[in-house]
Amino acid sequence: ILAIVGLALGAARARAIDNDPDVVPVAEENAERNGMKDRLACDTTPASAIDGTYPVVVANIEADVLSRLAANISRTVAPGGLLVLSGILVPQRDRVKDAYRGFSLLAAPEKGEWVALVLRKK
């Protein structure tokens, strides 16, 4: 869903990665329904095996996983790129932010008990 939203907001192309292989065909079907299938690549590549960097990376995973994968996720963000992290409870904000060294915090919008971190790679 996050990749499709990115495409709807103007991204030329997107790559969606999930650890659940059942999600891939669903994402592809949603992209096709929205006329975006040619612009979306979906797979189950582990974060540790992702090659290359991207100008925008979005991850919606629980805080413990975001913290554990910080090194792998961080290296996928291009220099000066944006990283948006969500799935974080407000009390977990600082712990997750601290795991992403080399990023500056641009915003931390809250909605109820949830917070997202919008970071820029230095």
N, C-alpha and C. Protein backbone atom coordinates (compact mmCIF):
# COMPACT_ATOMS: atom_id res chain seq x y z
N ILE A 1 0.83 -1.18 0.00
CA ILE A 1 0.00 0.00 0.00
C ILE A 1 0.88 1.25 0.00
N LEU A 2 1.95 1.27 0.79
CA LEU A 2 2.80 2.45 0.85
C LEU A 2 3.43 2.75 -0.51
N ALA A 3 3.83 1.73 -1.22
CA ALA A 3 4.43 1.94 -2.54
C ALA A 3 3.40 2.47 -3.53
N ILE A 4 2.19 1.96 -3.46
CA ILE A 4 1.13 2.43 -4.36
C ILE A 4 0.78 3.89 -4.05
N VAL A 5 0.76 4.25 -2.78
CA VAL A 5 0.52 5.65 -2.41
C VAL A 5 1.65 6.52 -2.96
N GLY A 6 2.88 6.06 -2.85
CA GLY A 6 4.00 6.80 -3.41
C GLY A 6 3.83 7.03 -4.91
N LEU A 7 3.39 6.02 -5.61
CA LEU A 7 3.15 6.16 -7.05
C LEU A 7 2.02 7.15 -7.31
N ALA A 8 0.96 7.07 -6.52
CA ALA A 8 -0.16 7.99 -6.68
C ALA A 8 0.25 9.44 -6.40
N LEU A 9 1.24 9.62 -5.54
CA LEU A 9 1.72 10.96 -5.21
C LEU A 9 2.78 11.47 -6.18
N GLY A 10 3.14 10.65 -7.18
CA GLY A 10 4.03 11.16 -8.21
C GLY A 10 5.34 10.43 -8.41
N ALA A 11 5.62 9.41 -7.62
CA ALA A 11 6.85 8.66 -7.85
C ALA A 11 6.80 7.99 -9.22
N ALA A 12 7.91 8.02 -9.94
CA ALA A 12 7.96 7.41 -11.27
C ALA A 12 7.84 5.89 -11.17
N ARG A 13 8.45 5.33 -10.13
CA ARG A 13 8.39 3.89 -9.92
C ARG A 13 8.62 3.61 -8.44
N ALA A 14 8.26 2.40 -8.01
CA ALA A 14 8.41 2.04 -6.60
C ALA A 14 8.74 0.56 -6.50
N ARG A 15 9.38 0.23 -5.41
CA ARG A 15 9.67 -1.17 -5.09
C ARG A 15 9.06 -1.45 -3.73
N ALA A 16 8.24 -2.47 -3.66
CA ALA A 16 7.59 -2.86 -2.42
C ALA A 16 8.20 -4.17 -1.94
N ILE A 17 8.59 -4.20 -0.68
CA ILE A 17 9.20 -5.39 -0.11
C ILE A 17 8.44 -5.77 1.15
N ASP A 18 8.13 -7.06 1.28
CA ASP A 18 7.45 -7.55 2.46
C ASP A 18 8.02 -8.92 2.80
N ASN A 19 7.99 -9.28 4.07
CA ASN A 19 8.50 -10.59 4.45
C ASN A 19 7.46 -11.69 4.28
N ASP A 20 6.23 -11.31 3.95
CA ASP A 20 5.15 -12.27 3.75
C ASP A 20 4.92 -12.47 2.25
N PRO A 21 5.25 -13.64 1.70
CA PRO A 21 5.11 -13.85 0.26
C PRO A 21 3.66 -13.75 -0.22
N ASP A 22 2.68 -13.92 0.67
CA ASP A 22 1.28 -13.80 0.27
C ASP A 22 0.90 -12.35 -0.05
N VAL A 23 1.69 -11.40 0.40
CA VAL A 23 1.40 -9.99 0.17
C VAL A 23 1.75 -9.57 -1.26
N VAL A 24 2.75 -10.20 -1.86
CA VAL A 24 3.23 -9.80 -3.19
C VAL A 24 2.12 -9.82 -4.24
N PRO A 25 1.39 -10.93 -4.42
CA PRO A 25 0.34 -10.90 -5.44
C PRO A 25 -0.79 -9.91 -5.13
N VAL A 26 -1.05 -9.68 -3.86
CA VAL A 26 -2.08 -8.70 -3.49
C VAL A 26 -1.64 -7.30 -3.88
N ALA A 27 -0.39 -6.97 -3.61
CA ALA A 27 0.14 -5.66 -3.99
C ALA A 27 0.14 -5.49 -5.50
N GLU A 28 0.52 -6.53 -6.21
CA GLU A 28 0.52 -6.47 -7.68
C GLU A 28 -0.90 -6.28 -8.22
N GLU A 29 -1.86 -6.96 -7.62
CA GLU A 29 -3.25 -6.82 -8.04
C GLU A 29 -3.75 -5.39 -7.78
N ASN A 30 -3.42 -4.84 -6.61
CA ASN A 30 -3.82 -3.47 -6.29
C ASN A 30 -3.18 -2.47 -7.25
N ALA A 31 -1.93 -2.69 -7.59
CA ALA A 31 -1.26 -1.81 -8.55
C ALA A 31 -1.93 -1.88 -9.92
N GLU A 32 -2.28 -3.09 -10.33
CA GLU A 32 -2.95 -3.25 -11.63
C GLU A 32 -4.30 -2.55 -11.64
N ARG A 33 -5.05 -2.71 -10.56
CA ARG A 33 -6.37 -2.05 -10.46
C ARG A 33 -6.26 -0.53 -10.54
N ASN A 34 -5.13 0.00 -10.11
CA ASN A 34 -4.92 1.44 -10.10
C ASN A 34 -4.09 1.92 -11.27
N GLY A 35 -3.86 1.05 -12.26
CA GLY A 35 -3.12 1.44 -13.46
C GLY A 35 -1.65 1.71 -13.21
N MET A 36 -1.07 1.03 -12.22
CA MET A 36 0.32 1.28 -11.83
C MET A 36 1.20 0.05 -11.92
N LYS A 37 0.71 -1.04 -12.48
CA LYS A 37 1.45 -2.29 -12.46
C LYS A 37 2.83 -2.18 -13.10
N ASP A 38 2.94 -1.41 -14.18
CA ASP A 38 4.22 -1.26 -14.88
C ASP A 38 5.25 -0.48 -14.06
N ARG A 39 4.79 0.22 -13.04
CA ARG A 39 5.68 1.09 -12.26
C ARG A 39 6.03 0.51 -10.89
N LEU A 40 5.50 -0.68 -10.58
CA LEU A 40 5.70 -1.27 -9.26
C LEU A 40 6.40 -2.61 -9.35
N ALA A 41 7.45 -2.77 -8.58
CA ALA A 41 8.14 -4.06 -8.44
C ALA A 41 7.89 -4.53 -7.01
N CYS A 42 7.47 -5.77 -6.84
CA CYS A 42 7.18 -6.33 -5.52
C CYS A 42 7.99 -7.61 -5.32
N ASP A 43 8.55 -7.77 -4.12
CA ASP A 43 9.29 -8.99 -3.83
C ASP A 43 9.45 -9.18 -2.33
N THR A 44 10.13 -10.25 -1.98
CA THR A 44 10.34 -10.58 -0.57
C THR A 44 11.83 -10.59 -0.21
N THR A 45 12.61 -9.77 -0.90
CA THR A 45 14.04 -9.68 -0.61
C THR A 45 14.25 -9.23 0.83
N PRO A 46 15.08 -9.93 1.60
CA PRO A 46 15.38 -9.48 2.96
C PRO A 46 16.10 -8.13 2.93
N ALA A 47 15.86 -7.32 3.94
CA ALA A 47 16.49 -5.99 4.01
C ALA A 47 18.01 -6.08 3.88
N SER A 48 18.60 -7.14 4.39
CA SER A 48 20.06 -7.30 4.34
C SER A 48 20.58 -7.54 2.92
N ALA A 49 19.70 -7.93 2.01
CA ALA A 49 20.12 -8.27 0.65
C ALA A 49 19.72 -7.24 -0.40
N ILE A 50 19.16 -6.12 0.02
CA ILE A 50 18.74 -5.09 -0.93
C ILE A 50 19.96 -4.38 -1.49
N ASP A 51 20.05 -4.34 -2.82
CA ASP A 51 21.14 -3.63 -3.48
C ASP A 51 20.69 -2.24 -3.87
N GLY A 52 21.61 -1.32 -3.88
CA GLY A 52 21.32 0.03 -4.34
C GLY A 52 20.71 0.90 -3.26
N THR A 53 20.53 2.17 -3.63
CA THR A 53 19.92 3.14 -2.72
C THR A 53 18.74 3.80 -3.41
N TYR A 54 17.89 4.39 -2.59
CA TYR A 54 16.66 5.00 -3.07
C TYR A 54 16.52 6.39 -2.47
N PRO A 55 15.92 7.33 -3.21
CA PRO A 55 15.76 8.69 -2.68
C PRO A 55 14.73 8.78 -1.56
N VAL A 56 13.77 7.86 -1.54
CA VAL A 56 12.76 7.82 -0.48
C VAL A 56 12.56 6.36 -0.09
N VAL A 57 12.63 6.09 1.21
CA VAL A 57 12.37 4.75 1.74
C VAL A 57 11.32 4.91 2.83
N VAL A 58 10.29 4.08 2.78
CA VAL A 58 9.22 4.11 3.77
C VAL A 58 9.10 2.72 4.37
N ALA A 59 9.03 2.66 5.70
CA ALA A 59 8.90 1.37 6.38
C ALA A 59 7.84 1.47 7.46
N ASN A 60 6.87 0.59 7.41
CA ASN A 60 5.81 0.53 8.42
C ASN A 60 5.90 -0.84 9.08
N ILE A 61 6.70 -0.89 10.12
CA ILE A 61 6.96 -2.14 10.85
C ILE A 61 7.00 -1.77 12.33
N GLU A 62 6.74 -2.70 13.21
CA GLU A 62 6.78 -2.38 14.63
C GLU A 62 8.17 -1.89 15.05
N ALA A 63 8.20 -1.12 16.12
CA ALA A 63 9.41 -0.43 16.56
C ALA A 63 10.60 -1.36 16.78
N ASP A 64 10.39 -2.51 17.38
CA ASP A 64 11.50 -3.42 17.64
C ASP A 64 12.16 -3.87 16.34
N VAL A 65 11.36 -4.14 15.33
CA VAL A 65 11.90 -4.57 14.04
C VAL A 65 12.60 -3.41 13.36
N LEU A 66 12.02 -2.21 13.41
CA LEU A 66 12.67 -1.03 12.83
C LEU A 66 14.05 -0.81 13.47
N SER A 67 14.13 -0.97 14.77
CA SER A 67 15.41 -0.79 15.46
C SER A 67 16.40 -1.88 15.06
N ARG A 68 15.94 -3.12 15.01
CA ARG A 68 16.81 -4.25 14.68
C ARG A 68 17.34 -4.14 13.25
N LEU A 69 16.53 -3.62 12.34
CA LEU A 69 16.92 -3.51 10.93
C LEU A 69 17.54 -2.16 10.57
N ALA A 70 17.83 -1.34 11.56
CA ALA A 70 18.30 0.03 11.29
C ALA A 70 19.50 0.08 10.34
N ALA A 71 20.50 -0.74 10.54
CA ALA A 71 21.68 -0.70 9.68
C ALA A 71 21.32 -1.07 8.24
N ASN A 72 20.52 -2.10 8.06
CA ASN A 72 20.13 -2.53 6.72
C ASN A 72 19.23 -1.51 6.02
N ILE A 73 18.26 -0.97 6.75
CA ILE A 73 17.37 0.02 6.15
C ILE A 73 18.15 1.29 5.84
N SER A 74 19.00 1.73 6.75
CA SER A 74 19.76 2.97 6.57
C SER A 74 20.60 2.94 5.30
N ARG A 75 21.22 1.82 5.01
CA ARG A 75 22.11 1.77 3.84
C ARG A 75 21.34 1.80 2.53
N THR A 76 20.01 1.62 2.56
CA THR A 76 19.22 1.68 1.33
C THR A 76 18.79 3.10 0.98
N VAL A 77 19.01 4.04 1.88
CA VAL A 77 18.61 5.43 1.65
C VAL A 77 19.78 6.18 1.01
N ALA A 78 19.52 6.83 -0.11
CA ALA A 78 20.55 7.60 -0.81
C ALA A 78 20.98 8.79 0.06
N PRO A 79 22.22 9.26 -0.10
CA PRO A 79 22.65 10.46 0.63
C PRO A 79 21.68 11.62 0.35
N GLY A 80 21.24 12.27 1.42
CA GLY A 80 20.26 13.34 1.30
C GLY A 80 18.84 12.86 1.15
N GLY A 81 18.65 11.53 1.11
CA GLY A 81 17.32 10.95 0.90
C GLY A 81 16.46 10.99 2.15
N LEU A 82 15.19 10.73 1.94
CA LEU A 82 14.21 10.71 3.03
C LEU A 82 13.92 9.29 3.48
N LEU A 83 13.73 9.15 4.78
CA LEU A 83 13.33 7.88 5.38
C LEU A 83 12.12 8.17 6.26
N VAL A 84 11.01 7.50 5.99
CA VAL A 84 9.81 7.65 6.79
C VAL A 84 9.55 6.32 7.49
N LEU A 85 9.52 6.37 8.81
CA LEU A 85 9.30 5.17 9.62
C LEU A 85 7.98 5.31 10.36
N SER A 86 7.15 4.28 10.29
CA SER A 86 5.89 4.30 11.02
C SER A 86 5.65 2.93 11.64
N GLY A 87 4.59 2.85 12.43
CA GLY A 87 4.34 1.64 13.20
C GLY A 87 4.98 1.75 14.58
N ILE A 88 5.19 2.99 15.01
CA ILE A 88 5.91 3.28 16.25
C ILE A 88 4.95 3.86 17.29
N LEU A 89 4.91 3.27 18.44
CA LEU A 89 4.14 3.85 19.54
C LEU A 89 4.90 5.05 20.10
N VAL A 90 4.19 6.08 20.55
CA VAL A 90 4.83 7.32 21.02
C VAL A 90 5.95 7.05 22.02
N PRO A 91 5.78 6.19 23.04
CA PRO A 91 6.87 5.98 23.99
C PRO A 91 8.13 5.34 23.37
N GLN A 92 8.01 4.76 22.17
CA GLN A 92 9.14 4.11 21.51
C GLN A 92 9.90 5.05 20.57
N ARG A 93 9.38 6.26 20.38
CA ARG A 93 9.93 7.20 19.40
C ARG A 93 11.45 7.40 19.55
N ASP A 94 11.91 7.77 20.72
CA ASP A 94 13.33 8.10 20.89
C ASP A 94 14.22 6.89 20.67
N ARG A 95 13.77 5.72 21.10
CA ARG A 95 14.57 4.51 20.91
C ARG A 95 14.77 4.22 19.42
N VAL A 96 13.70 4.35 18.65
CA VAL A 96 13.80 4.10 17.21
C VAL A 96 14.65 5.19 16.56
N LYS A 97 14.39 6.44 16.90
CA LYS A 97 15.18 7.55 16.32
C LYS A 97 16.67 7.36 16.59
N ASP A 98 17.02 6.96 17.80
CA ASP A 98 18.43 6.77 18.16
C ASP A 98 19.09 5.64 17.37
N ALA A 99 18.31 4.70 16.89
CA ALA A 99 18.86 3.58 16.11
C ALA A 99 19.28 4.04 14.71
N TYR A 100 18.78 5.17 14.26
CA TYR A 100 19.07 5.67 12.91
C TYR A 100 20.07 6.81 12.97
N ARG A 101 21.30 6.46 13.31
CA ARG A 101 22.38 7.44 13.33
C ARG A 101 22.68 7.85 11.90
N GLY A 102 23.12 9.07 11.72
CA GLY A 102 23.40 9.55 10.38
C GLY A 102 22.18 10.15 9.71
N PHE A 103 21.09 10.30 10.45
CA PHE A 103 19.87 10.92 9.94
C PHE A 103 19.49 12.08 10.84
N SER A 104 18.92 13.11 10.25
CA SER A 104 18.37 14.20 11.05
C SER A 104 16.85 14.08 11.03
N LEU A 105 16.24 14.43 12.14
CA LEU A 105 14.80 14.35 12.27
C LEU A 105 14.16 15.59 11.66
N LEU A 106 13.27 15.40 10.69
CA LEU A 106 12.56 16.51 10.07
C LEU A 106 11.19 16.73 10.71
N ALA A 107 10.53 15.64 11.08
CA ALA A 107 9.20 15.73 11.68
C ALA A 107 8.89 14.43 12.41
N ALA A 108 7.97 14.53 13.37
CA ALA A 108 7.51 13.35 14.11
C ALA A 108 6.02 13.52 14.38
N PRO A 109 5.20 13.45 13.33
CA PRO A 109 3.76 13.63 13.53
C PRO A 109 3.16 12.48 14.33
N GLU A 110 2.25 12.85 15.21
CA GLU A 110 1.57 11.86 16.05
C GLU A 110 0.09 11.79 15.68
N LYS A 111 -0.46 10.60 15.82
CA LYS A 111 -1.90 10.40 15.68
C LYS A 111 -2.30 9.39 16.75
N GLY A 112 -2.97 9.90 17.76
CA GLY A 112 -3.32 9.03 18.89
C GLY A 112 -2.07 8.53 19.57
N GLU A 113 -1.97 7.21 19.68
CA GLU A 113 -0.82 6.61 20.37
C GLU A 113 0.35 6.32 19.42
N TRP A 114 0.21 6.67 18.15
CA TRP A 114 1.20 6.36 17.12
C TRP A 114 1.99 7.59 16.70
N VAL A 115 3.23 7.37 16.28
CA VAL A 115 4.07 8.43 15.77
C VAL A 115 4.82 7.91 14.54
N ALA A 116 5.06 8.80 13.60
CA ALA A 116 5.92 8.49 12.45
C ALA A 116 7.16 9.35 12.56
N LEU A 117 8.26 8.87 12.07
CA LEU A 117 9.51 9.64 12.03
C LEU A 117 9.85 9.93 10.58
N VAL A 118 10.05 11.21 10.28
CA VAL A 118 10.47 11.62 8.96
C VAL A 118 11.92 12.09 9.10
N LEU A 119 12.84 11.35 8.48
CA LEU A 119 14.27 11.57 8.66
C LEU A 119 14.93 11.88 7.32
N ARG A 120 16.02 12.64 7.36
CA ARG A 120 16.83 12.89 6.17
C ARG A 120 18.24 12.36 6.42
N LYS A 121 18.76 11.62 5.45
CA LYS A 121 20.11 11.09 5.59
C LYS A 121 21.11 12.20 5.38
N LYS A 122 22.05 12.31 6.32
CA LYS A 122 23.08 13.36 6.26
C LYS A 122 24.08 13.07 5.17
